[in-house]
């Protein structure tokens, strides 16, 4: 058994930044990370005002869930395994792309309600992170019994806080059994604020994850993983 509490295996490729902002909507990402499960980010779309006037038709979705990563010279894109979480005026799409080789990478986002593609080059010098901070950096919490427990940090916005917690394994058997069923909440995030949190849980062959959002910008969270007997402040 080994226990790792330092984010030695998680790389922050790009800090959180705004992809689009105008009077009606703001689109941003929560930070682009290289994690034990592969390339990861969450796309947030915040409606700032009710649309006025006729809306132009949205373009067809580009890739699965409208979010993909491409590499210069490659023929195909890396589409995201995505989880969506709706929280009032904000909608998050949590995107795991799996292993993506280094290179000239581009994040490509198309959302059904926005009639344009949003493109971000990973090596771009332009960056606007206004109102977006990682109040807690991403980290590997523990590696035990073939399972790696990690989180994507805590994103603080003007409206609240978001985190993604995941248990990942390359052994199909490590995350088997009832104790990892999402109905039993094997991964949980609790906040020190009475505001009700919104959560989205997902389980696959080699992962279990929880996304948690609370509309309280000053809240602090605690991660717990009952199967690994782990509790950690975020």
C-alpha atoms as a PDB file:
ATOM      1  CA  UNK A   1       0.000   0.000   0.000  1.00  0.00           C
ATOM      2  CA  UNK A   2       1.208   3.477  -0.778  1.00  0.00           C
ATOM      3  CA  UNK A   3      -0.191   6.822   0.280  1.00  0.00           C
ATOM      4  CA  UNK A   4       0.407   9.961  -1.801  1.00  0.00           C
ATOM      5  CA  UNK A   5      -0.905  13.338  -0.686  1.00  0.00           C
ATOM      6  CA  UNK A   6       1.110  15.603  -3.001  1.00  0.00           C
ATOM      7  CA  UNK A   7      -0.092  16.469  -6.527  1.00  0.00           C
ATOM      8  CA  UNK A   8       3.076  14.997  -8.033  1.00  0.00           C
ATOM      9  CA  UNK A   9       1.214  13.239 -10.841  1.00  0.00           C
ATOM     10  CA  UNK A  10      -1.250  16.002 -11.727  1.00  0.00           C
ATOM     11  CA  UNK A  11      -0.067  18.731 -14.081  1.00  0.00           C
ATOM     12  CA  UNK A  12      -1.907  22.018 -14.443  1.00  0.00           C
ATOM     13  CA  UNK A  13      -1.634  22.559 -18.196  1.00  0.00           C
ATOM     14  CA  UNK A  14      -3.660  25.789 -18.197  1.00  0.00           C
ATOM     15  CA  UNK A  15      -5.262  27.592 -15.250  1.00  0.00           C
ATOM     16  CA  UNK A  16      -8.995  28.401 -15.307  1.00  0.00           C
ATOM     17  CA  UNK A  17      -9.937  30.948 -17.936  1.00  0.00           C
ATOM     18  CA  UNK A  18     -12.826  32.543 -19.784  1.00  0.00           C
ATOM     19  CA  UNK A  19     -13.508  31.249 -23.285  1.00  0.00           C
ATOM     20  CA  UNK A  20     -16.374  33.618 -24.111  1.00  0.00           C
ATOM     21  CA  UNK A  21     -18.137  36.440 -22.315  1.00  0.00           C
ATOM     22  CA  UNK A  22     -20.827  38.886 -23.390  1.00  0.00           C
ATOM     23  CA  UNK A  23     -24.001  40.397 -21.959  1.00  0.00           C
ATOM     24  CA  UNK A  24     -25.946  37.138 -21.913  1.00  0.00           C
ATOM     25  CA  UNK A  25     -23.511  34.317 -21.253  1.00  0.00           C
ATOM     26  CA  UNK A  26     -20.067  33.427 -19.975  1.00  0.00           C
ATOM     27  CA  UNK A  27     -18.223  30.232 -20.897  1.00  0.00           C
ATOM     28  CA  UNK A  28     -15.092  29.130 -19.036  1.00  0.00           C
ATOM     29  CA  UNK A  29     -13.035  26.089 -18.155  1.00  0.00           C
ATOM     30  CA  UNK A  30     -12.024  24.999 -14.659  1.00  0.00           C
ATOM     31  CA  UNK A  31      -8.377  24.355 -15.512  1.00  0.00           C
ATOM     32  CA  UNK A  32      -6.903  21.854 -17.956  1.00  0.00           C
ATOM     33  CA  UNK A  33      -5.176  19.015 -16.119  1.00  0.00           C
ATOM     34  CA  UNK A  34      -3.160  15.899 -16.820  1.00  0.00           C
ATOM     35  CA  UNK A  35      -4.465  13.440 -14.239  1.00  0.00           C
ATOM     36  CA  UNK A  36      -4.050   9.724 -13.477  1.00  0.00           C
ATOM     37  CA  UNK A  37      -7.116   9.165 -15.693  1.00  0.00           C
ATOM     38  CA  UNK A  38      -5.913  11.370 -18.569  1.00  0.00           C
ATOM     39  CA  UNK A  39      -6.581  14.907 -19.739  1.00  0.00           C
ATOM     40  CA  UNK A  40      -9.403  16.562 -17.812  1.00  0.00           C
ATOM     41  CA  UNK A  41     -11.333  19.829 -17.599  1.00  0.00           C
ATOM     42  CA  UNK A  42     -14.821  21.080 -16.833  1.00  0.00           C
ATOM     43  CA  UNK A  43     -16.632  23.525 -19.104  1.00  0.00           C
ATOM     44  CA  UNK A  44     -18.934  25.987 -17.355  1.00  0.00           C
ATOM     45  CA  UNK A  45     -21.650  27.975 -19.109  1.00  0.00           C
ATOM     46  CA  UNK A  46     -23.219  30.703 -17.003  1.00  0.00           C
ATOM     47  CA  UNK A  47     -26.301  32.555 -18.233  1.00  0.00           C
ATOM     48  CA  UNK A  48     -25.903  36.168 -17.177  1.00  0.00           C
ATOM     49  CA  UNK A  49     -29.153  37.531 -18.604  1.00  0.00           C
ATOM     50  CA  UNK A  50     -32.215  36.324 -20.430  1.00  0.00           C
ATOM     51  CA  UNK A  51     -31.733  36.256 -24.215  1.00  0.00           C
ATOM     52  CA  UNK A  52     -33.472  39.010 -26.123  1.00  0.00           C
ATOM     53  CA  UNK A  53     -34.598  38.967 -29.725  1.00  0.00           C
ATOM     54  CA  UNK A  54     -34.428  36.075 -32.193  1.00  0.00           C
ATOM     55  CA  UNK A  55     -31.733  33.457 -31.634  1.00  0.00           C
ATOM     56  CA  UNK A  56     -29.675  32.206 -34.592  1.00  0.00           C
ATOM     57  CA  UNK A  57     -29.640  28.421 -35.045  1.00  0.00           C
ATOM     58  CA  UNK A  58     -26.857  26.594 -33.230  1.00  0.00           C
ATOM     59  CA  UNK A  59     -24.307  24.668 -35.270  1.00  0.00           C
ATOM     60  CA  UNK A  60     -24.204  20.865 -35.103  1.00  0.00           C
ATOM     61  CA  UNK A  61     -22.320  19.447 -32.153  1.00  0.00           C
ATOM     62  CA  UNK A  62     -18.588  18.988 -32.709  1.00  0.00           C
ATOM     63  CA  UNK A  63     -17.586  15.663 -31.248  1.00  0.00           C
ATOM     64  CA  UNK A  64     -19.249  13.887 -28.351  1.00  0.00           C
ATOM     65  CA  UNK A  65     -21.002  16.322 -26.000  1.00  0.00           C
ATOM     66  CA  UNK A  66     -19.597  19.165 -28.094  1.00  0.00           C
ATOM     67  CA  UNK A  67     -16.144  19.119 -26.443  1.00  0.00           C
ATOM     68  CA  UNK A  68     -13.000  17.619 -27.935  1.00  0.00           C
ATOM     69  CA  UNK A  69      -9.227  17.937 -28.027  1.00  0.00           C
ATOM     70  CA  UNK A  70      -7.291  17.731 -31.270  1.00  0.00           C
ATOM     71  CA  UNK A  71      -3.579  17.528 -31.952  1.00  0.00           C
ATOM     72  CA  UNK A  72      -1.936  19.118 -34.973  1.00  0.00           C
ATOM     73  CA  UNK A  73      -1.318  16.491 -37.625  1.00  0.00           C
ATOM     74  CA  UNK A  74      -3.751  13.960 -36.167  1.00  0.00           C
ATOM     75  CA  UNK A  75      -6.700  12.873 -38.233  1.00  0.00           C
ATOM     76  CA  UNK A  76      -9.075  12.278 -35.349  1.00  0.00           C
ATOM     77  CA  UNK A  77     -10.105  14.198 -32.243  1.00  0.00           C
ATOM     78  CA  UNK A  78     -10.146  12.999 -28.658  1.00  0.00           C
ATOM     79  CA  UNK A  79     -13.776  13.256 -27.551  1.00  0.00           C
ATOM     80  CA  UNK A  80     -14.752  13.621 -23.917  1.00  0.00           C
ATOM     81  CA  UNK A  81     -16.434  11.165 -21.616  1.00  0.00           C
ATOM     82  CA  UNK A  82     -18.674  13.802 -20.095  1.00  0.00           C
ATOM     83  CA  UNK A  83     -20.871  14.310 -17.050  1.00  0.00           C
ATOM     84  CA  UNK A  84     -23.282  17.243 -16.921  1.00  0.00           C
ATOM     85  CA  UNK A  85     -24.384  19.114 -13.825  1.00  0.00           C
ATOM     86  CA  UNK A  86     -27.037  21.825 -13.951  1.00  0.00           C
ATOM     87  CA  UNK A  87     -27.180  24.371 -11.139  1.00  0.00           C
ATOM     88  CA  UNK A  88     -29.634  27.157 -11.842  1.00  0.00           C
ATOM     89  CA  UNK A  89     -28.046  29.627 -14.240  1.00  0.00           C
ATOM     90  CA  UNK A  90     -24.823  27.564 -14.539  1.00  0.00           C
ATOM     91  CA  UNK A  91     -24.333  24.305 -16.410  1.00  0.00           C
ATOM     92  CA  UNK A  92     -21.100  22.327 -16.091  1.00  0.00           C
ATOM     93  CA  UNK A  93     -19.824  19.654 -18.439  1.00  0.00           C
ATOM     94  CA  UNK A  94     -17.106  17.594 -16.772  1.00  0.00           C
ATOM     95  CA  UNK A  95     -14.826  16.264 -19.526  1.00  0.00           C
ATOM     96  CA  UNK A  96     -12.341  13.394 -19.310  1.00  0.00           C
ATOM     97  CA  UNK A  97     -10.486  12.799 -22.583  1.00  0.00           C
ATOM     98  CA  UNK A  98      -8.272   9.908 -21.469  1.00  0.00           C
ATOM     99  CA  UNK A  99      -4.572   9.768 -22.380  1.00  0.00           C
ATOM    100  CA  UNK A 100      -3.732  12.452 -24.951  1.00  0.00           C
ATOM    101  CA  UNK A 101      -0.119  12.671 -26.205  1.00  0.00           C
ATOM    102  CA  UNK A 102       1.787  15.906 -25.862  1.00  0.00           C
ATOM    103  CA  UNK A 103       1.873  18.095 -28.928  1.00  0.00           C
ATOM    104  CA  UNK A 104       0.188  21.079 -30.526  1.00  0.00           C
ATOM    105  CA  UNK A 105      -3.132  20.620 -28.709  1.00  0.00           C
ATOM    106  CA  UNK A 106      -6.376  22.539 -29.187  1.00  0.00           C
ATOM    107  CA  UNK A 107      -9.540  22.514 -27.055  1.00  0.00           C
ATOM    108  CA  UNK A 108     -12.647  22.752 -29.237  1.00  0.00           C
ATOM    109  CA  UNK A 109     -16.011  23.554 -27.618  1.00  0.00           C
ATOM    110  CA  UNK A 110     -19.398  23.811 -29.307  1.00  0.00           C
ATOM    111  CA  UNK A 111     -22.469  24.389 -27.139  1.00  0.00           C
ATOM    112  CA  UNK A 112     -25.971  24.026 -28.598  1.00  0.00           C
ATOM    113  CA  UNK A 113     -27.088  27.488 -27.452  1.00  0.00           C
ATOM    114  CA  UNK A 114     -24.041  29.383 -28.726  1.00  0.00           C
ATOM    115  CA  UNK A 115     -23.777  29.742 -32.519  1.00  0.00           C
ATOM    116  CA  UNK A 116     -19.991  29.599 -32.712  1.00  0.00           C
ATOM    117  CA  UNK A 117     -17.098  27.294 -31.953  1.00  0.00           C
ATOM    118  CA  UNK A 118     -14.827  28.194 -29.057  1.00  0.00           C
ATOM    119  CA  UNK A 119     -11.219  27.264 -29.753  1.00  0.00           C
ATOM    120  CA  UNK A 120      -8.345  27.412 -27.281  1.00  0.00           C
ATOM    121  CA  UNK A 121      -4.762  26.515 -28.169  1.00  0.00           C
ATOM    122  CA  UNK A 122      -2.932  24.998 -25.223  1.00  0.00           C
ATOM    123  CA  UNK A 123       0.170  27.072 -26.004  1.00  0.00           C
ATOM    124  CA  UNK A 124      -1.704  30.369 -26.367  1.00  0.00           C
ATOM    125  CA  UNK A 125      -0.183  33.384 -24.603  1.00  0.00           C
ATOM    126  CA  UNK A 126      -3.620  34.916 -24.193  1.00  0.00           C
ATOM    127  CA  UNK A 127      -5.295  34.266 -20.850  1.00  0.00           C
ATOM    128  CA  UNK A 128      -8.263  35.826 -19.070  1.00  0.00           C
ATOM    129  CA  UNK A 129      -8.996  34.261 -15.718  1.00  0.00           C
ATOM    130  CA  UNK A 130     -11.067  37.127 -14.328  1.00  0.00           C
ATOM    131  CA  UNK A 131     -13.192  35.880 -11.456  1.00  0.00           C
ATOM    132  CA  UNK A 132     -11.835  32.315 -11.655  1.00  0.00           C
ATOM    133  CA  UNK A 133      -9.322  30.841  -9.207  1.00  0.00           C
ATOM    134  CA  UNK A 134      -8.268  27.424  -7.998  1.00  0.00           C
ATOM    135  CA  UNK A 135      -8.665  27.956  -4.268  1.00  0.00           C
ATOM    136  CA  UNK A 136      -7.322  24.434  -3.727  1.00  0.00           C
ATOM    137  CA  UNK A 137      -4.836  22.929  -6.207  1.00  0.00           C
ATOM    138  CA  UNK A 138      -5.517  19.541  -7.817  1.00  0.00           C
ATOM    139  CA  UNK A 139      -4.030  16.611  -5.961  1.00  0.00           C
ATOM    140  CA  UNK A 140      -3.647  12.882  -5.711  1.00  0.00           C
ATOM    141  CA  UNK A 141      -5.052  11.999  -2.310  1.00  0.00           C
ATOM    142  CA  UNK A 142      -4.186   8.318  -2.022  1.00  0.00           C
ATOM    143  CA  UNK A 143      -3.126   5.284  -4.037  1.00  0.00           C
ATOM    144  CA  UNK A 144      -4.195   2.039  -2.408  1.00  0.00           C
ATOM    145  CA  UNK A 145      -5.193  -1.471  -3.510  1.00  0.00           C
ATOM    146  CA  UNK A 146      -4.905  -0.546  -7.178  1.00  0.00           C
ATOM    147  CA  UNK A 147      -7.118   2.546  -6.834  1.00  0.00           C
ATOM    148  CA  UNK A 148      -5.934   6.147  -7.191  1.00  0.00           C
ATOM    149  CA  UNK A 149      -8.076   8.762  -5.492  1.00  0.00           C
ATOM    150  CA  UNK A 150      -7.631  12.299  -6.833  1.00  0.00           C
ATOM    151  CA  UNK A 151      -9.450  15.592  -7.189  1.00  0.00           C
ATOM    152  CA  UNK A 152      -9.324  18.371  -9.776  1.00  0.00           C
ATOM    153  CA  UNK A 153      -8.907  21.145  -7.231  1.00  0.00           C
ATOM    154  CA  UNK A 154     -11.617  23.547  -6.114  1.00  0.00           C
ATOM    155  CA  UNK A 155     -12.681  26.175  -8.623  1.00  0.00           C
ATOM    156  CA  UNK A 156     -13.896  29.403  -7.032  1.00  0.00           C
ATOM    157  CA  UNK A 157     -16.102  31.688  -9.103  1.00  0.00           C
ATOM    158  CA  UNK A 158     -18.127  34.757  -8.184  1.00  0.00           C
ATOM    159  CA  UNK A 159     -21.161  32.468  -7.912  1.00  0.00           C
ATOM    160  CA  UNK A 160     -19.800  29.476  -5.995  1.00  0.00           C
ATOM    161  CA  UNK A 161     -17.357  26.577  -5.851  1.00  0.00           C
ATOM    162  CA  UNK A 162     -16.906  23.445  -7.953  1.00  0.00           C
ATOM    163  CA  UNK A 163     -14.866  20.298  -7.560  1.00  0.00           C
ATOM    164  CA  UNK A 164     -14.453  16.933  -9.278  1.00  0.00           C
ATOM    165  CA  UNK A 165     -13.417  13.885  -7.223  1.00  0.00           C
ATOM    166  CA  UNK A 166     -12.508  10.586  -8.842  1.00  0.00           C
ATOM    167  CA  UNK A 167     -11.274   7.086  -8.022  1.00  0.00           C
ATOM    168  CA  UNK A 168      -9.405   5.601 -10.978  1.00  0.00           C
ATOM    169  CA  UNK A 169      -7.973   2.134 -11.563  1.00  0.00           C
ATOM    170  CA  UNK A 170      -6.391   0.173 -14.392  1.00  0.00           C
ATOM    171  CA  UNK A 171      -7.631  -3.058 -12.753  1.00  0.00           C
ATOM    172  CA  UNK A 172     -11.228  -3.851 -13.679  1.00  0.00           C
ATOM    173  CA  UNK A 173     -11.709  -5.665 -10.361  1.00  0.00           C
ATOM    174  CA  UNK A 174     -10.461  -2.899  -8.065  1.00  0.00           C
ATOM    175  CA  UNK A 175     -13.622  -0.808  -8.330  1.00  0.00           C
ATOM    176  CA  UNK A 176     -16.014  -3.753  -8.356  1.00  0.00           C
ATOM    177  CA  UNK A 177     -18.453  -4.634  -5.638  1.00  0.00           C
ATOM    178  CA  UNK A 178     -21.368  -2.889  -4.016  1.00  0.00           C
ATOM    179  CA  UNK A 179     -19.203  -0.562  -1.938  1.00  0.00           C
ATOM    180  CA  UNK A 180     -18.366   1.404  -5.107  1.00  0.00           C
ATOM    181  CA  UNK A 181     -21.968   1.673  -6.328  1.00  0.00           C
ATOM    182  CA  UNK A 182     -22.860   5.347  -6.736  1.00  0.00           C
ATOM    183  CA  UNK A 183     -26.102   4.716  -4.835  1.00  0.00           C
ATOM    184  CA  UNK A 184     -23.962   4.170  -1.740  1.00  0.00           C
ATOM    185  CA  UNK A 185     -22.054   7.425  -2.308  1.00  0.00           C
ATOM    186  CA  UNK A 186     -18.523   5.995  -2.166  1.00  0.00           C
ATOM    187  CA  UNK A 187     -17.216   9.484  -2.970  1.00  0.00           C
ATOM    188  CA  UNK A 188     -18.767  12.443  -1.194  1.00  0.00           C
ATOM    189  CA  UNK A 189     -18.086  16.162  -0.860  1.00  0.00           C
ATOM    190  CA  UNK A 190     -19.566  18.063   2.067  1.00  0.00           C
ATOM    191  CA  UNK A 191     -19.497  21.838   2.390  1.00  0.00           C
ATOM    192  CA  UNK A 192     -19.458  23.999   5.523  1.00  0.00           C
ATOM    193  CA  UNK A 193     -22.337  26.111   4.221  1.00  0.00           C
ATOM    194  CA  UNK A 194     -26.082  25.399   4.546  1.00  0.00           C
ATOM    195  CA  UNK A 195     -26.691  26.188   0.860  1.00  0.00           C
ATOM    196  CA  UNK A 196     -27.814  22.938  -0.833  1.00  0.00           C
ATOM    197  CA  UNK A 197     -25.111  21.549  -3.115  1.00  0.00           C
ATOM    198  CA  UNK A 198     -25.703  20.058  -6.558  1.00  0.00           C
ATOM    199  CA  UNK A 199     -23.984  16.764  -7.430  1.00  0.00           C
ATOM    200  CA  UNK A 200     -23.522  14.457 -10.398  1.00  0.00           C
ATOM    201  CA  UNK A 201     -22.199  10.932  -9.900  1.00  0.00           C
ATOM    202  CA  UNK A 202     -20.920   8.502 -12.475  1.00  0.00           C
ATOM    203  CA  UNK A 203     -19.423   5.000 -12.501  1.00  0.00           C
ATOM    204  CA  UNK A 204     -17.652   3.074 -15.235  1.00  0.00           C
ATOM    205  CA  UNK A 205     -15.494  -0.001 -15.538  1.00  0.00           C
ATOM    206  CA  UNK A 206     -12.362   1.772 -14.348  1.00  0.00           C
ATOM    207  CA  UNK A 207     -13.597   4.855 -12.486  1.00  0.00           C
ATOM    208  CA  UNK A 208     -16.081   6.317 -10.025  1.00  0.00           C
ATOM    209  CA  UNK A 209     -16.553  10.091  -9.891  1.00  0.00           C
ATOM    210  CA  UNK A 210     -18.519  12.849  -8.216  1.00  0.00           C
ATOM    211  CA  UNK A 211     -18.896  16.461  -9.334  1.00  0.00           C
ATOM    212  CA  UNK A 212     -20.082  18.883  -6.674  1.00  0.00           C
ATOM    213  CA  UNK A 213     -21.147  22.538  -6.949  1.00  0.00           C
ATOM    214  CA  UNK A 214     -22.302  24.869  -4.213  1.00  0.00           C
ATOM    215  CA  UNK A 215     -23.611  28.392  -4.798  1.00  0.00           C
ATOM    216  CA  UNK A 216     -21.526  29.791  -1.936  1.00  0.00           C
ATOM    217  CA  UNK A 217     -18.194  31.358  -2.996  1.00  0.00           C
ATOM    218  CA  UNK A 218     -16.714  31.228   0.515  1.00  0.00           C
ATOM    219  CA  UNK A 219     -17.647  27.645   1.353  1.00  0.00           C
ATOM    220  CA  UNK A 220     -14.988  25.088   2.222  1.00  0.00           C
ATOM    221  CA  UNK A 221     -15.341  21.428   1.357  1.00  0.00           C
ATOM    222  CA  UNK A 222     -14.327  18.042   2.701  1.00  0.00           C
ATOM    223  CA  UNK A 223     -13.749  14.989   0.532  1.00  0.00           C
ATOM    224  CA  UNK A 224     -14.559  11.538   1.850  1.00  0.00           C
ATOM    225  CA  UNK A 225     -14.087   8.091   0.325  1.00  0.00           C
ATOM    226  CA  UNK A 226     -15.616   5.373   2.507  1.00  0.00           C
ATOM    227  CA  UNK A 227     -14.162   2.365   0.617  1.00  0.00           C
ATOM    228  CA  UNK A 228     -10.618   3.704   1.205  1.00  0.00           C
ATOM    229  CA  UNK A 229     -11.422   5.174   4.633  1.00  0.00           C
ATOM    230  CA  UNK A 230     -10.218   8.623   3.548  1.00  0.00           C
ATOM    231  CA  UNK A 231     -11.349  12.046   4.694  1.00  0.00           C
ATOM    232  CA  UNK A 232      -9.534  15.144   3.466  1.00  0.00           C
ATOM    233  CA  UNK A 233     -10.210  18.861   3.563  1.00  0.00           C
ATOM    234  CA  UNK A 234     -10.356  20.542   0.171  1.00  0.00           C
END
